[in-house]
């Protein structure tokens, strides 16, 4: 029998594309969002920090 280690997550940093999908599927569980602006000279376009009302369990 294989055991999957699940960790509760209350905050998560996601990309804008992931946030759109997340906001559609988990709209009732999102407590707060904060935009993290991109760093000058960086290779990404920034990120979004999502805080959940109830923990979300993710396999690690």
N, C-alpha and C. Protein backbone atom coordinates (compact mmCIF):
# COMPACT_ATOMS: atom_id res chain seq x y z
N UNK A 1 0.85 -1.18 0.00
CA UNK A 1 0.00 0.00 0.00
C UNK A 1 0.89 1.24 0.00
N UNK A 2 0.59 2.16 -0.88
CA UNK A 2 1.38 3.37 -1.01
C UNK A 2 0.68 4.51 -0.28
N UNK A 3 1.45 5.29 0.49
CA UNK A 3 0.91 6.42 1.24
C UNK A 3 1.35 7.72 0.55
N UNK A 4 0.39 8.60 0.34
CA UNK A 4 0.69 9.90 -0.27
C UNK A 4 0.73 10.95 0.83
N UNK A 5 1.83 11.66 0.92
CA UNK A 5 1.99 12.70 1.94
C UNK A 5 1.28 13.97 1.49
N UNK A 6 0.25 14.37 2.21
CA UNK A 6 -0.53 15.56 1.88
C UNK A 6 -0.24 16.64 2.93
N UNK A 7 0.06 17.84 2.49
CA UNK A 7 0.35 18.97 3.37
C UNK A 7 -0.74 20.03 3.23
N UNK A 8 -1.22 20.57 4.35
CA UNK A 8 -2.20 21.67 4.25
C UNK A 8 -1.51 22.98 3.87
N UNK A 9 -2.09 23.69 2.93
CA UNK A 9 -1.52 24.96 2.46
C UNK A 9 -2.55 26.05 2.68
N UNK A 10 -2.15 27.14 3.35
CA UNK A 10 -3.06 28.27 3.54
C UNK A 10 -2.70 29.43 2.63
N UNK A 11 -1.44 29.48 2.16
CA UNK A 11 -1.00 30.51 1.21
C UNK A 11 -0.26 29.84 0.07
N UNK A 12 -0.46 30.38 -1.12
CA UNK A 12 0.18 29.80 -2.30
C UNK A 12 0.51 30.92 -3.28
N UNK A 13 1.66 30.82 -3.93
CA UNK A 13 2.06 31.78 -4.95
C UNK A 13 1.86 31.13 -6.31
N UNK A 14 1.06 31.77 -7.17
CA UNK A 14 0.71 31.21 -8.47
C UNK A 14 0.95 32.25 -9.57
N UNK A 15 0.99 31.78 -10.80
CA UNK A 15 1.10 32.68 -11.95
C UNK A 15 -0.28 33.24 -12.27
N UNK A 16 -0.33 34.20 -13.16
CA UNK A 16 -1.61 34.80 -13.54
C UNK A 16 -2.52 33.78 -14.21
N UNK A 17 -1.95 32.91 -15.03
CA UNK A 17 -2.73 31.88 -15.72
C UNK A 17 -3.32 30.89 -14.71
N UNK A 18 -2.52 30.48 -13.73
CA UNK A 18 -3.01 29.56 -12.70
C UNK A 18 -4.08 30.23 -11.83
N UNK A 19 -3.92 31.53 -11.59
CA UNK A 19 -4.89 32.25 -10.76
C UNK A 19 -6.27 32.32 -11.43
N UNK A 20 -6.31 32.51 -12.73
CA UNK A 20 -7.59 32.56 -13.45
C UNK A 20 -8.32 31.23 -13.28
N UNK A 21 -7.61 30.13 -13.46
CA UNK A 21 -8.23 28.81 -13.29
C UNK A 21 -8.65 28.59 -11.84
N UNK A 22 -7.83 29.02 -10.91
CA UNK A 22 -8.11 28.85 -9.49
C UNK A 22 -9.31 29.68 -9.05
N UNK A 23 -9.40 30.91 -9.54
CA UNK A 23 -10.49 31.80 -9.13
C UNK A 23 -11.84 31.30 -9.66
N UNK A 24 -11.84 30.58 -10.77
CA UNK A 24 -13.08 30.01 -11.29
C UNK A 24 -13.51 28.78 -10.50
N UNK A 25 -12.55 27.96 -10.11
CA UNK A 25 -12.90 26.70 -9.44
C UNK A 25 -13.02 26.82 -7.92
N UNK A 26 -12.29 27.75 -7.29
CA UNK A 26 -12.29 27.85 -5.83
C UNK A 26 -12.66 29.25 -5.35
N UNK A 27 -13.55 29.89 -6.02
CA UNK A 27 -13.91 31.27 -5.71
C UNK A 27 -14.35 31.45 -4.25
N UNK A 28 -15.09 30.50 -3.69
CA UNK A 28 -15.60 30.63 -2.33
C UNK A 28 -14.54 30.42 -1.26
N UNK A 29 -13.41 29.82 -1.61
CA UNK A 29 -12.38 29.54 -0.63
C UNK A 29 -11.24 30.56 -0.64
N UNK A 30 -11.23 31.49 -1.57
CA UNK A 30 -10.15 32.49 -1.63
C UNK A 30 -10.49 33.63 -0.69
N UNK A 31 -9.64 33.82 0.30
CA UNK A 31 -9.85 34.87 1.30
C UNK A 31 -9.24 36.19 0.84
N UNK A 32 -8.03 36.13 0.31
CA UNK A 32 -7.30 37.35 -0.05
C UNK A 32 -6.32 37.05 -1.18
N UNK A 33 -6.12 38.03 -2.04
CA UNK A 33 -5.10 37.92 -3.08
C UNK A 33 -4.19 39.15 -3.01
N UNK A 34 -2.94 38.94 -3.32
CA UNK A 34 -1.96 40.04 -3.33
C UNK A 34 -1.09 39.88 -4.56
N UNK A 35 -0.96 40.94 -5.33
CA UNK A 35 -0.15 40.90 -6.54
C UNK A 35 1.31 41.17 -6.19
N UNK A 36 2.18 40.28 -6.63
CA UNK A 36 3.62 40.43 -6.44
C UNK A 36 4.19 40.92 -7.76
N UNK A 37 4.63 42.18 -7.84
CA UNK A 37 5.10 42.74 -9.10
C UNK A 37 6.39 42.07 -9.58
N UNK A 38 6.64 42.12 -10.88
CA UNK A 38 7.88 41.52 -11.40
C UNK A 38 9.10 42.31 -10.97
N UNK A 39 10.22 41.62 -10.92
CA UNK A 39 11.50 42.24 -10.57
C UNK A 39 12.15 42.72 -11.87
N UNK A 40 12.69 43.93 -11.87
CA UNK A 40 13.37 44.44 -13.06
C UNK A 40 14.50 43.52 -13.46
N UNK A 41 14.55 43.15 -14.71
CA UNK A 41 15.58 42.27 -15.22
C UNK A 41 15.25 40.79 -15.02
N UNK A 42 14.12 40.50 -14.38
CA UNK A 42 13.72 39.12 -14.15
C UNK A 42 13.11 38.50 -15.40
N UNK A 43 12.92 37.20 -15.36
CA UNK A 43 12.40 36.49 -16.52
C UNK A 43 10.91 36.20 -16.43
N UNK A 44 10.26 36.62 -15.34
CA UNK A 44 8.83 36.34 -15.23
C UNK A 44 8.03 37.64 -15.18
N UNK A 45 6.72 37.51 -15.15
CA UNK A 45 5.84 38.67 -15.16
C UNK A 45 5.22 38.92 -13.79
N UNK A 46 5.87 38.47 -12.74
CA UNK A 46 5.33 38.64 -11.40
C UNK A 46 4.49 37.42 -11.04
N UNK A 47 3.81 37.53 -9.90
CA UNK A 47 3.00 36.41 -9.43
C UNK A 47 1.86 36.94 -8.58
N UNK A 48 1.02 36.03 -8.13
CA UNK A 48 -0.11 36.38 -7.28
C UNK A 48 -0.07 35.47 -6.07
N UNK A 49 -0.12 36.07 -4.88
CA UNK A 49 -0.17 35.30 -3.64
C UNK A 49 -1.63 35.13 -3.24
N UNK A 50 -2.07 33.91 -3.08
CA UNK A 50 -3.45 33.59 -2.73
C UNK A 50 -3.49 33.07 -1.30
N UNK A 51 -4.38 33.63 -0.47
CA UNK A 51 -4.61 33.15 0.88
C UNK A 51 -5.99 32.51 0.90
N UNK A 52 -6.05 31.29 1.44
CA UNK A 52 -7.29 30.53 1.46
C UNK A 52 -8.01 30.67 2.80
N UNK A 53 -9.35 30.58 2.79
CA UNK A 53 -10.13 30.53 4.02
C UNK A 53 -9.89 29.20 4.74
N UNK A 54 -10.03 28.11 4.00
CA UNK A 54 -9.79 26.77 4.52
C UNK A 54 -8.55 26.21 3.84
N UNK A 55 -7.72 25.45 4.57
CA UNK A 55 -6.50 24.91 3.96
C UNK A 55 -6.83 24.01 2.75
N UNK A 56 -5.93 24.05 1.78
CA UNK A 56 -6.02 23.19 0.61
C UNK A 56 -4.90 22.16 0.75
N UNK A 57 -5.22 20.90 0.53
CA UNK A 57 -4.22 19.84 0.68
C UNK A 57 -3.57 19.53 -0.65
N UNK A 58 -2.23 19.54 -0.66
CA UNK A 58 -1.47 19.28 -1.88
C UNK A 58 -0.46 18.16 -1.60
N UNK A 59 -0.28 17.29 -2.57
CA UNK A 59 0.73 16.23 -2.46
C UNK A 59 2.10 16.82 -2.71
N UNK A 60 3.03 16.42 -1.91
CA UNK A 60 4.40 16.92 -2.07
C UNK A 60 5.36 15.79 -2.24
